[in-house]
Amino acid sequence: MGWADRRYDDYESFQPRRSASSNALFWLLGTLVGAHVLKVILVGVGTVPIAWTEGWFGVSDQGLMDGYLWQPLTYQFVHGSTSHILINALVLFFAGRILEPLIGAGRTVLFCLGCGAVAAVGSFFPGAGGGIPTVGISGGISALWIIAWCKAPNLPVNVILAVVRLKWICMLFLLMDVLRAFGGGHQRFGSVSGVAVWCHLVGAFAGFCVAFVWPRLMKPGMSTMQAKVQRKREVARLEKDMGDERELDRILAKINTDGMTALSDSERRFLQRRATRSQGSKRD
């Protein structure tokens, strides 16, 4: 039995999550469209040149070397054309609506932007950007498709007149990017008609790490480490309590032998702390 055929990887085993930020996806879509409209207006009236917006907010090796550390995030909100933003917004909408019931709206947006920031690494692959700043949120969208594939590979999706399982749609998108990245001729560098294919692939890999590698390899190790730290804290607390009990017995024995006047200031403060803690425990 393969991993994708197991019960816990079937979409029916996932319960939809209600998220307080159920409109997060629409806020992201609105921000993307609003940013593009603002760019079109500013460029159209001649306020700023298009090279300035992409140079400042698109991601490039030169920009990062110049200290523009915001670029791995902001490049996702800049798009090269109206068709570019419309296609990305449409694909993001469908990917987000599929993934929202599985992990929640807030995580969907967080993983999209986070993996999209990681996907910026793809723009530095040899020949990927051709010296032009990379723009667009498609790297984060690729991550969402892979996360959805890992979470619910057999989820049925209505595609025009047919119902297709989600894994086949994700495989198609991934195969297209792989063929464009490793194809012959000018396509071998992953820049086809302005498409930053390497960003798609790096984003897909980031999504795979989030949905598959982290829960199975990293998270158990982190949980074990946290459990060890918790046990050490518990042992230290018990040892301290036992030490306090021994100190209390010693002081009480001293009082029984020599009286209260024989106590030092530190011993009196210790008794006061114990009395205060005891009263607090009784109130609880």
C-alpha atoms as a PDB file:
ATOM      1  CA  MET A   1       0.000   0.000   0.000  1.00  0.00           C
ATOM      2  CA  GLY A   2       1.419   3.361  -1.027  1.00  0.00           C
ATOM      3  CA  TRP A   3       1.575   6.447   1.188  1.00  0.00           C
ATOM      4  CA  ALA A   4      -1.097   8.270  -0.812  1.00  0.00           C
ATOM      5  CA  ASP A   5      -3.466   5.277  -0.513  1.00  0.00           C
ATOM      6  CA  ARG A   6      -3.528   5.188   3.269  1.00  0.00           C
ATOM      7  CA  ARG A   7      -6.646   6.259   5.109  1.00  0.00           C
ATOM      8  CA  TYR A   8      -5.066   9.258   6.800  1.00  0.00           C
ATOM      9  CA  ASP A   9      -4.099  10.685   3.423  1.00  0.00           C
ATOM     10  CA  ASP A  10      -7.606  10.505   1.987  1.00  0.00           C
ATOM     11  CA  TYR A  11      -9.559  13.733   1.892  1.00  0.00           C
ATOM     12  CA  GLU A  12     -12.501  12.177   3.731  1.00  0.00           C
ATOM     13  CA  SER A  13     -10.347  11.725   6.846  1.00  0.00           C
ATOM     14  CA  PHE A  14      -9.770  15.467   7.111  1.00  0.00           C
ATOM     15  CA  GLN A  15     -12.268  17.572   8.996  1.00  0.00           C
ATOM     16  CA  PRO A  16     -12.732  21.131   7.702  1.00  0.00           C
ATOM     17  CA  ARG A  17     -11.154  23.675   9.997  1.00  0.00           C
ATOM     18  CA  ARG A  18     -12.995  26.783  11.003  1.00  0.00           C
ATOM     19  CA  SER A  19     -10.596  29.690  10.962  1.00  0.00           C
ATOM     20  CA  ALA A  20     -11.109  33.058  12.596  1.00  0.00           C
ATOM     21  CA  SER A  21      -9.386  34.526   9.561  1.00  0.00           C
ATOM     22  CA  SER A  22     -11.739  32.909   7.038  1.00  0.00           C
ATOM     23  CA  ASN A  23     -11.450  35.977   4.790  1.00  0.00           C
ATOM     24  CA  ALA A  24      -7.644  35.884   4.769  1.00  0.00           C
ATOM     25  CA  LEU A  25      -7.506  34.512   1.227  1.00  0.00           C
ATOM     26  CA  PHE A  26      -9.771  37.269  -0.087  1.00  0.00           C
ATOM     27  CA  TRP A  27      -7.690  39.879   1.721  1.00  0.00           C
ATOM     28  CA  LEU A  28      -4.596  38.485   0.014  1.00  0.00           C
ATOM     29  CA  LEU A  29      -6.283  38.486  -3.388  1.00  0.00           C
ATOM     30  CA  GLY A  30      -7.532  42.020  -2.834  1.00  0.00           C
ATOM     31  CA  THR A  31      -4.070  43.184  -1.814  1.00  0.00           C
ATOM     32  CA  LEU A  32      -2.517  41.609  -4.912  1.00  0.00           C
ATOM     33  CA  VAL A  33      -5.040  43.221  -7.251  1.00  0.00           C
ATOM     34  CA  GLY A  34      -4.858  46.544  -5.404  1.00  0.00           C
ATOM     35  CA  ALA A  35      -1.065  46.598  -5.604  1.00  0.00           C
ATOM     36  CA  HIS A  36      -1.195  45.986  -9.350  1.00  0.00           C
ATOM     37  CA  VAL A  37      -3.846  48.660  -9.904  1.00  0.00           C
ATOM     38  CA  LEU A  38      -1.744  51.139  -7.926  1.00  0.00           C
ATOM     39  CA  LYS A  39       1.303  50.233 -10.000  1.00  0.00           C
ATOM     40  CA  VAL A  40      -0.606  50.702 -13.265  1.00  0.00           C
ATOM     41  CA  ILE A  41      -1.896  54.101 -12.130  1.00  0.00           C
ATOM     42  CA  LEU A  42       1.487  55.367 -10.942  1.00  0.00           C
ATOM     43  CA  VAL A  43       3.253  54.156 -14.072  1.00  0.00           C
ATOM     44  CA  GLY A  44       0.438  55.395 -16.322  1.00  0.00           C
ATOM     45  CA  VAL A  45       0.520  58.965 -15.030  1.00  0.00           C
ATOM     46  CA  GLY A  46       4.296  58.995 -15.141  1.00  0.00           C
ATOM     47  CA  THR A  47       4.797  59.299 -11.389  1.00  0.00           C
ATOM     48  CA  VAL A  48       7.256  56.397 -11.273  1.00  0.00           C
ATOM     49  CA  PRO A  49       8.889  54.351 -14.046  1.00  0.00           C
ATOM     50  CA  ILE A  50       8.091  50.651 -14.222  1.00  0.00           C
ATOM     51  CA  ALA A  51      11.784  49.834 -13.802  1.00  0.00           C
ATOM     52  CA  TRP A  52      11.724  51.614 -10.429  1.00  0.00           C
ATOM     53  CA  THR A  53       8.809  49.575  -9.036  1.00  0.00           C
ATOM     54  CA  GLU A  54      10.281  46.261 -10.143  1.00  0.00           C
ATOM     55  CA  GLY A  55      13.789  47.294  -9.126  1.00  0.00           C
ATOM     56  CA  TRP A  56      12.670  48.197  -5.607  1.00  0.00           C
ATOM     57  CA  PHE A  57      10.011  45.564  -4.997  1.00  0.00           C
ATOM     58  CA  GLY A  58      10.918  42.747  -7.389  1.00  0.00           C
ATOM     59  CA  VAL A  59      13.579  40.341  -6.152  1.00  0.00           C
ATOM     60  CA  SER A  60      17.075  40.342  -7.624  1.00  0.00           C
ATOM     61  CA  ASP A  61      20.580  39.494  -6.493  1.00  0.00           C
ATOM     62  CA  GLN A  62      21.667  43.099  -6.951  1.00  0.00           C
ATOM     63  CA  GLY A  63      18.755  44.376  -4.883  1.00  0.00           C
ATOM     64  CA  LEU A  64      19.551  42.045  -1.997  1.00  0.00           C
ATOM     65  CA  MET A  65      23.222  42.991  -2.140  1.00  0.00           C
ATOM     66  CA  ASP A  66      22.141  46.643  -1.954  1.00  0.00           C
ATOM     67  CA  GLY A  67      20.240  45.869   1.256  1.00  0.00           C
ATOM     68  CA  TYR A  68      16.686  45.558  -0.110  1.00  0.00           C
ATOM     69  CA  LEU A  69      15.884  42.715   2.275  1.00  0.00           C
ATOM     70  CA  TRP A  70      12.130  43.154   1.851  1.00  0.00           C
ATOM     71  CA  GLN A  71      12.238  41.913  -1.741  1.00  0.00           C
ATOM     72  CA  PRO A  72      11.600  38.159  -1.072  1.00  0.00           C
ATOM     73  CA  LEU A  73       8.229  39.220   0.347  1.00  0.00           C
ATOM     74  CA  THR A  74       7.299  42.225  -1.794  1.00  0.00           C
ATOM     75  CA  TYR A  75       8.124  40.625  -5.153  1.00  0.00           C
ATOM     76  CA  GLN A  76       5.025  38.479  -4.692  1.00  0.00           C
ATOM     77  CA  PHE A  77       2.795  41.570  -4.795  1.00  0.00           C
ATOM     78  CA  VAL A  78       4.283  42.924  -8.031  1.00  0.00           C
ATOM     79  CA  HIS A  79       3.192  41.550 -11.406  1.00  0.00           C
ATOM     80  CA  GLY A  80       4.484  42.258 -14.861  1.00  0.00           C
ATOM     81  CA  SER A  81       1.141  42.698 -16.631  1.00  0.00           C
ATOM     82  CA  THR A  82      -2.607  42.576 -16.139  1.00  0.00           C
ATOM     83  CA  SER A  83      -2.783  39.075 -17.621  1.00  0.00           C
ATOM     84  CA  HIS A  84      -0.046  38.009 -15.187  1.00  0.00           C
ATOM     85  CA  ILE A  85      -2.001  39.150 -12.116  1.00  0.00           C
ATOM     86  CA  LEU A  86      -5.310  37.780 -13.432  1.00  0.00           C
ATOM     87  CA  ILE A  87      -3.897  34.306 -14.065  1.00  0.00           C
ATOM     88  CA  ASN A  88      -2.104  34.198 -10.720  1.00  0.00           C
ATOM     89  CA  ALA A  89      -5.158  35.492  -8.847  1.00  0.00           C
ATOM     90  CA  LEU A  90      -7.408  32.907 -10.496  1.00  0.00           C
ATOM     91  CA  VAL A  91      -5.074  29.984  -9.781  1.00  0.00           C
ATOM     92  CA  LEU A  92      -4.475  31.240  -6.229  1.00  0.00           C
ATOM     93  CA  PHE A  93      -8.222  31.437  -5.641  1.00  0.00           C
ATOM     94  CA  PHE A  94      -8.809  27.827  -6.696  1.00  0.00           C
ATOM     95  CA  ALA A  95      -5.750  26.491  -4.840  1.00  0.00           C
ATOM     96  CA  GLY A  96      -6.671  28.438  -1.717  1.00  0.00           C
ATOM     97  CA  ARG A  97     -10.294  27.311  -1.730  1.00  0.00           C
ATOM     98  CA  ILE A  98      -9.170  23.691  -1.980  1.00  0.00           C
ATOM     99  CA  LEU A  99      -6.632  24.013   0.833  1.00  0.00           C
ATOM    100  CA  GLU A 100      -8.594  26.242   3.236  1.00  0.00           C
ATOM    101  CA  PRO A 101     -10.849  23.448   4.608  1.00  0.00           C
ATOM    102  CA  LEU A 102      -7.786  21.281   5.256  1.00  0.00           C
ATOM    103  CA  ILE A 103      -5.450  23.647   7.106  1.00  0.00           C
ATOM    104  CA  GLY A 104      -7.443  26.854   7.632  1.00  0.00           C
ATOM    105  CA  ALA A 105      -7.438  30.188   5.819  1.00  0.00           C
ATOM    106  CA  GLY A 106      -4.744  31.792   7.945  1.00  0.00           C
ATOM    107  CA  ARG A 107      -2.259  28.979   7.383  1.00  0.00           C
ATOM    108  CA  THR A 108      -3.079  28.927   3.681  1.00  0.00           C
ATOM    109  CA  VAL A 109      -2.039  32.565   3.330  1.00  0.00           C
ATOM    110  CA  LEU A 110       0.944  32.128   5.665  1.00  0.00           C
ATOM    111  CA  PHE A 111       2.279  29.128   3.742  1.00  0.00           C
ATOM    112  CA  CYS A 112       1.693  30.873   0.423  1.00  0.00           C
ATOM    113  CA  LEU A 113       3.712  33.950   1.378  1.00  0.00           C
ATOM    114  CA  GLY A 114       6.311  32.031   3.389  1.00  0.00           C
ATOM    115  CA  CYS A 115       7.010  29.441   0.707  1.00  0.00           C
ATOM    116  CA  GLY A 116       6.837  32.211  -1.889  1.00  0.00           C
ATOM    117  CA  ALA A 117       9.630  34.021  -0.056  1.00  0.00           C
ATOM    118  CA  VAL A 118      11.689  30.817  -0.128  1.00  0.00           C
ATOM    119  CA  ALA A 119      10.865  30.428  -3.827  1.00  0.00           C
ATOM    120  CA  ALA A 120      12.751  33.674  -4.486  1.00  0.00           C
ATOM    121  CA  VAL A 121      15.901  31.533  -4.315  1.00  0.00           C
ATOM    122  CA  GLY A 122      14.909  30.154  -7.716  1.00  0.00           C
ATOM    123  CA  SER A 123      15.450  33.539  -9.329  1.00  0.00           C
ATOM    124  CA  PHE A 124      19.186  33.212  -8.629  1.00  0.00           C
ATOM    125  CA  PHE A 125      19.630  29.982 -10.555  1.00  0.00           C
ATOM    126  CA  PRO A 126      21.912  30.404 -13.592  1.00  0.00           C
ATOM    127  CA  GLY A 127      19.977  32.101 -16.370  1.00  0.00           C
ATOM    128  CA  ALA A 128      16.647  31.951 -14.514  1.00  0.00           C
ATOM    129  CA  GLY A 129      16.012  35.661 -14.460  1.00  0.00           C
ATOM    130  CA  GLY A 130      18.334  36.875 -17.166  1.00  0.00           C
ATOM    131  CA  GLY A 131      19.327  39.839 -14.981  1.00  0.00           C
ATOM    132  CA  ILE A 132      15.716  41.046 -14.731  1.00  0.00           C
ATOM    133  CA  PRO A 133      14.015  41.287 -11.287  1.00  0.00           C
ATOM    134  CA  THR A 134      11.611  38.433 -10.622  1.00  0.00           C
ATOM    135  CA  VAL A 135       7.997  39.329  -9.807  1.00  0.00           C
ATOM    136  CA  GLY A 136       4.802  37.413  -9.061  1.00  0.00           C
ATOM    137  CA  ILE A 137       3.304  35.119  -6.431  1.00  0.00           C
ATOM    138  CA  SER A 138       3.375  31.953  -8.540  1.00  0.00           C
ATOM    139  CA  GLY A 139       6.124  30.382  -6.392  1.00  0.00           C
ATOM    140  CA  GLY A 140       3.847  30.493  -3.352  1.00  0.00           C
ATOM    141  CA  ILE A 141       0.939  29.164  -5.424  1.00  0.00           C
ATOM    142  CA  SER A 142       3.062  26.185  -6.491  1.00  0.00           C
ATOM    143  CA  ALA A 143       3.682  25.484  -2.811  1.00  0.00           C
ATOM    144  CA  LEU A 144      -0.066  25.494  -2.094  1.00  0.00           C
ATOM    145  CA  TRP A 145      -0.720  22.919  -4.809  1.00  0.00           C
ATOM    146  CA  ILE A 146       1.942  20.602  -3.400  1.00  0.00           C
ATOM    147  CA  ILE A 147       0.651  21.026   0.164  1.00  0.00           C
ATOM    148  CA  ALA A 148      -2.873  20.210  -1.037  1.00  0.00           C
ATOM    149  CA  TRP A 149      -1.509  17.171  -2.879  1.00  0.00           C
ATOM    150  CA  CYS A 150       0.182  15.893   0.282  1.00  0.00           C
ATOM    151  CA  LYS A 151      -2.874  16.563   2.451  1.00  0.00           C
ATOM    152  CA  ALA A 152      -5.640  15.200   0.222  1.00  0.00           C
ATOM    153  CA  PRO A 153      -4.324  13.577  -2.969  1.00  0.00           C
ATOM    154  CA  ASN A 154      -7.623  11.861  -3.785  1.00  0.00           C
ATOM    155  CA  LEU A 155      -9.820  14.921  -3.380  1.00  0.00           C
ATOM    156  CA  PRO A 156     -12.228  15.115  -6.371  1.00  0.00           C
ATOM    157  CA  VAL A 157     -12.060  18.442  -8.205  1.00  0.00           C
ATOM    158  CA  ASN A 158     -14.562  19.602 -10.821  1.00  0.00           C
ATOM    159  CA  VAL A 159     -12.694  20.617 -13.978  1.00  0.00           C
ATOM    160  CA  ILE A 160     -15.136  21.909 -16.605  1.00  0.00           C
ATOM    161  CA  LEU A 161     -17.153  18.768 -17.468  1.00  0.00           C
ATOM    162  CA  ALA A 162     -14.991  16.208 -15.684  1.00  0.00           C
ATOM    163  CA  VAL A 163     -14.161  15.282 -12.109  1.00  0.00           C
ATOM    164  CA  VAL A 164     -10.420  14.805 -11.596  1.00  0.00           C
ATOM    165  CA  ARG A 165      -8.543  13.791  -8.481  1.00  0.00           C
ATOM    166  CA  LEU A 166      -6.392  16.552  -7.067  1.00  0.00           C
ATOM    167  CA  LYS A 167      -3.141  14.605  -7.390  1.00  0.00           C
ATOM    168  CA  TRP A 168      -3.445  14.481 -11.189  1.00  0.00           C
ATOM    169  CA  ILE A 169      -3.912  18.259 -11.411  1.00  0.00           C
ATOM    170  CA  CYS A 170      -0.871  18.845  -9.199  1.00  0.00           C
ATOM    171  CA  MET A 171       1.178  16.336 -11.181  1.00  0.00           C
ATOM    172  CA  LEU A 172       0.289  18.156 -14.402  1.00  0.00           C
ATOM    173  CA  PHE A 173       1.398  21.547 -13.059  1.00  0.00           C
ATOM    174  CA  LEU A 174       4.604  20.064 -11.661  1.00  0.00           C
ATOM    175  CA  LEU A 175       5.384  18.158 -14.861  1.00  0.00           C
ATOM    176  CA  MET A 176       4.929  21.300 -16.964  1.00  0.00           C
ATOM    177  CA  ASP A 177       7.425  23.191 -14.807  1.00  0.00           C
ATOM    178  CA  VAL A 178       9.925  20.328 -14.811  1.00  0.00           C
ATOM    179  CA  LEU A 179       9.768  20.037 -18.603  1.00  0.00           C
ATOM    180  CA  ARG A 180      10.232  23.771 -19.033  1.00  0.00           C
ATOM    181  CA  ALA A 181      13.098  23.858 -16.538  1.00  0.00           C
ATOM    182  CA  PHE A 182      14.990  20.898 -17.961  1.00  0.00           C
ATOM    183  CA  GLY A 183      13.883  21.134 -21.590  1.00  0.00           C
ATOM    184  CA  GLY A 184      16.237  21.713 -24.472  1.00  0.00           C
ATOM    185  CA  GLY A 185      17.462  24.903 -26.096  1.00  0.00           C
ATOM    186  CA  HIS A 186      16.705  28.232 -24.450  1.00  0.00           C
ATOM    187  CA  GLN A 187      14.289  26.516 -22.050  1.00  0.00           C
ATOM    188  CA  ARG A 188      17.041  24.728 -20.152  1.00  0.00           C
ATOM    189  CA  PHE A 189      17.590  27.703 -17.854  1.00  0.00           C
ATOM    190  CA  GLY A 190      14.009  27.804 -16.657  1.00  0.00           C
ATOM    191  CA  SER A 191      13.002  31.153 -18.131  1.00  0.00           C
ATOM    192  CA  VAL A 192      10.322  30.581 -20.746  1.00  0.00           C
ATOM    193  CA  SER A 193       8.406  33.593 -22.041  1.00  0.00           C
ATOM    194  CA  GLY A 194       9.197  35.434 -18.820  1.00  0.00           C
ATOM    195  CA  VAL A 195       8.023  32.597 -16.563  1.00  0.00           C
ATOM    196  CA  ALA A 196      10.344  32.069 -13.581  1.00  0.00           C
ATOM    197  CA  VAL A 197      10.067  28.283 -13.659  1.00  0.00           C
ATOM    198  CA  TRP A 198      12.790  27.744 -11.086  1.00  0.00           C
ATOM    199  CA  CYS A 199      10.793  29.825  -8.608  1.00  0.00           C
ATOM    200  CA  HIS A 200       7.856  27.495  -9.233  1.00  0.00           C
ATOM    201  CA  LEU A 201      10.005  24.435  -8.545  1.00  0.00           C
ATOM    202  CA  VAL A 202      11.669  25.874  -5.443  1.00  0.00           C
ATOM    203  CA  GLY A 203       8.239  26.919  -4.159  1.00  0.00           C
ATOM    204  CA  ALA A 204       6.915  23.417  -4.813  1.00  0.00           C
ATOM    205  CA  PHE A 205       9.857  21.947  -2.901  1.00  0.00           C
ATOM    206  CA  ALA A 206       9.196  24.331   0.001  1.00  0.00           C
ATOM    207  CA  GLY A 207       5.563  23.221   0.044  1.00  0.00           C
ATOM    208  CA  PHE A 208       6.659  19.570   0.070  1.00  0.00           C
ATOM    209  CA  CYS A 209       8.918  20.268   3.049  1.00  0.00           C
ATOM    210  CA  VAL A 210       6.067  21.984   4.910  1.00  0.00           C
ATOM    211  CA  ALA A 211       3.474  19.279   4.262  1.00  0.00           C
ATOM    212  CA  PHE A 212       5.557  16.093   4.201  1.00  0.00           C
ATOM    213  CA  VAL A 213       9.104  16.484   5.518  1.00  0.00           C
ATOM    214  CA  TRP A 214       8.354  18.642   8.564  1.00  0.00           C
ATOM    215  CA  PRO A 215       5.501  16.525  10.053  1.00  0.00           C
ATOM    216  CA  ARG A 216       7.347  13.223   9.533  1.00  0.00           C
ATOM    217  CA  LEU A 217      10.997  14.055  10.136  1.00  0.00           C
ATOM    218  CA  MET A 218      11.436  17.385  11.885  1.00  0.00           C
ATOM    219  CA  LYS A 219       8.321  17.686  14.038  1.00  0.00           C
ATOM    220  CA  PRO A 220       8.794  14.363  15.916  1.00  0.00           C
ATOM    221  CA  GLY A 221      12.369  15.365  16.713  1.00  0.00           C
ATOM    222  CA  MET A 222      11.224  18.770  17.943  1.00  0.00           C
ATOM    223  CA  SER A 223       8.504  17.128  20.045  1.00  0.00           C
ATOM    224  CA  THR A 224      11.059  14.760  21.579  1.00  0.00           C
ATOM    225  CA  MET A 225      13.380  17.662  22.348  1.00  0.00           C
ATOM    226  CA  GLN A 226      10.547  19.649  23.935  1.00  0.00           C
ATOM    227  CA  ALA A 227       9.565  16.613  26.021  1.00  0.00           C
ATOM    228  CA  LYS A 228      13.152  16.261  27.267  1.00  0.00           C
ATOM    229  CA  VAL A 229      13.292  19.936  28.205  1.00  0.00           C
ATOM    230  CA  GLN A 230       9.956  19.618  29.997  1.00  0.00           C
ATOM    231  CA  ARG A 231      11.187  16.576  31.926  1.00  0.00           C
ATOM    232  CA  LYS A 232      14.347  18.414  32.966  1.00  0.00           C
ATOM    233  CA  ARG A 233      12.269  21.327  34.210  1.00  0.00           C
ATOM    234  CA  GLU A 234      10.001  18.960  36.129  1.00  0.00           C
ATOM    235  CA  VAL A 235      12.973  17.192  37.732  1.00  0.00           C
ATOM    236  CA  ALA A 236      14.523  20.541  38.679  1.00  0.00           C
ATOM    237  CA  ARG A 237      11.227  21.667  40.224  1.00  0.00           C
ATOM    238  CA  LEU A 238      10.887  18.448  42.227  1.00  0.00           C
ATOM    239  CA  GLU A 239      14.479  18.699  43.440  1.00  0.00           C
ATOM    240  CA  LYS A 240      13.870  22.287  44.523  1.00  0.00           C
ATOM    241  CA  ASP A 241      10.687  21.286  46.362  1.00  0.00           C
ATOM    242  CA  MET A 242      12.529  18.469  48.130  1.00  0.00           C
ATOM    243  CA  GLY A 243      15.308  20.877  49.085  1.00  0.00           C
ATOM    244  CA  ASP A 244      12.741  23.329  50.454  1.00  0.00           C
ATOM    245  CA  GLU A 245      11.142  20.555  52.505  1.00  0.00           C
ATOM    246  CA  ARG A 246      14.496  19.596  54.002  1.00  0.00           C
ATOM    247  CA  GLU A 247      15.228  23.239  54.801  1.00  0.00           C
ATOM    248  CA  LEU A 248      11.801  23.622  56.415  1.00  0.00           C
ATOM    249  CA  ASP A 249      12.378  20.543  58.582  1.00  0.00           C
ATOM    250  CA  ARG A 250      15.742  21.927  59.689  1.00  0.00           C
ATOM    251  CA  ILE A 251      14.286  25.332  60.602  1.00  0.00           C
ATOM    252  CA  LEU A 252      11.362  23.790  62.508  1.00  0.00           C
ATOM    253  CA  ALA A 253      13.777  21.591  64.430  1.00  0.00           C
ATOM    254  CA  LYS A 254      15.835  24.686  65.259  1.00  0.00           C
ATOM    255  CA  ILE A 255      12.726  26.505  66.485  1.00  0.00           C
ATOM    256  CA  ASN A 256      11.806  23.517  68.623  1.00  0.00           C
ATOM    257  CA  THR A 257      15.278  23.499  70.173  1.00  0.00           C
ATOM    258  CA  ASP A 258      16.278  27.171  70.414  1.00  0.00           C
ATOM    259  CA  GLY A 259      13.066  29.125  69.816  1.00  0.00           C
ATOM    260  CA  MET A 260      12.100  31.760  67.225  1.00  0.00           C
ATOM    261  CA  THR A 261      14.701  34.228  68.458  1.00  0.00           C
ATOM    262  CA  ALA A 262      17.470  31.958  67.206  1.00  0.00           C
ATOM    263  CA  LEU A 263      16.384  32.275  63.561  1.00  0.00           C
ATOM    264  CA  SER A 264      18.443  34.339  61.139  1.00  0.00           C
ATOM    265  CA  ASP A 265      16.922  36.900  58.772  1.00  0.00           C
ATOM    266  CA  SER A 266      17.233  34.527  55.799  1.00  0.00           C
ATOM    267  CA  GLU A 267      15.480  31.747  57.731  1.00  0.00           C
ATOM    268  CA  ARG A 268      12.649  34.109  58.671  1.00  0.00           C
ATOM    269  CA  ARG A 269      12.245  35.159  55.026  1.00  0.00           C
ATOM    270  CA  PHE A 270      12.172  31.507  54.000  1.00  0.00           C
ATOM    271  CA  LEU A 271       9.365  30.784  56.479  1.00  0.00           C
ATOM    272  CA  GLN A 272       7.453  33.827  55.238  1.00  0.00           C
ATOM    273  CA  ARG A 273       7.700  32.643  51.618  1.00  0.00           C
ATOM    274  CA  ARG A 274       6.531  29.170  52.599  1.00  0.00           C
ATOM    275  CA  ALA A 275       3.594  30.590  54.544  1.00  0.00           C
ATOM    276  CA  THR A 276       2.587  32.827  51.627  1.00  0.00           C
ATOM    277  CA  ARG A 277       2.784  29.946  49.151  1.00  0.00           C
ATOM    278  CA  SER A 278       0.799  27.695  51.470  1.00  0.00           C
ATOM    279  CA  GLN A 279      -1.969  30.294  51.795  1.00  0.00           C
ATOM    280  CA  GLY A 280      -2.083  30.702  48.022  1.00  0.00           C
ATOM    281  CA  SER A 281      -2.448  26.943  47.546  1.00  0.00           C
ATOM    282  CA  LYS A 282      -5.354  26.834  49.999  1.00  0.00           C
ATOM    283  CA  ARG A 283      -7.191  29.598  48.105  1.00  0.00           C
ATOM    284  CA  ASP A 284      -6.809  27.660  44.855  1.00  0.00           C
END
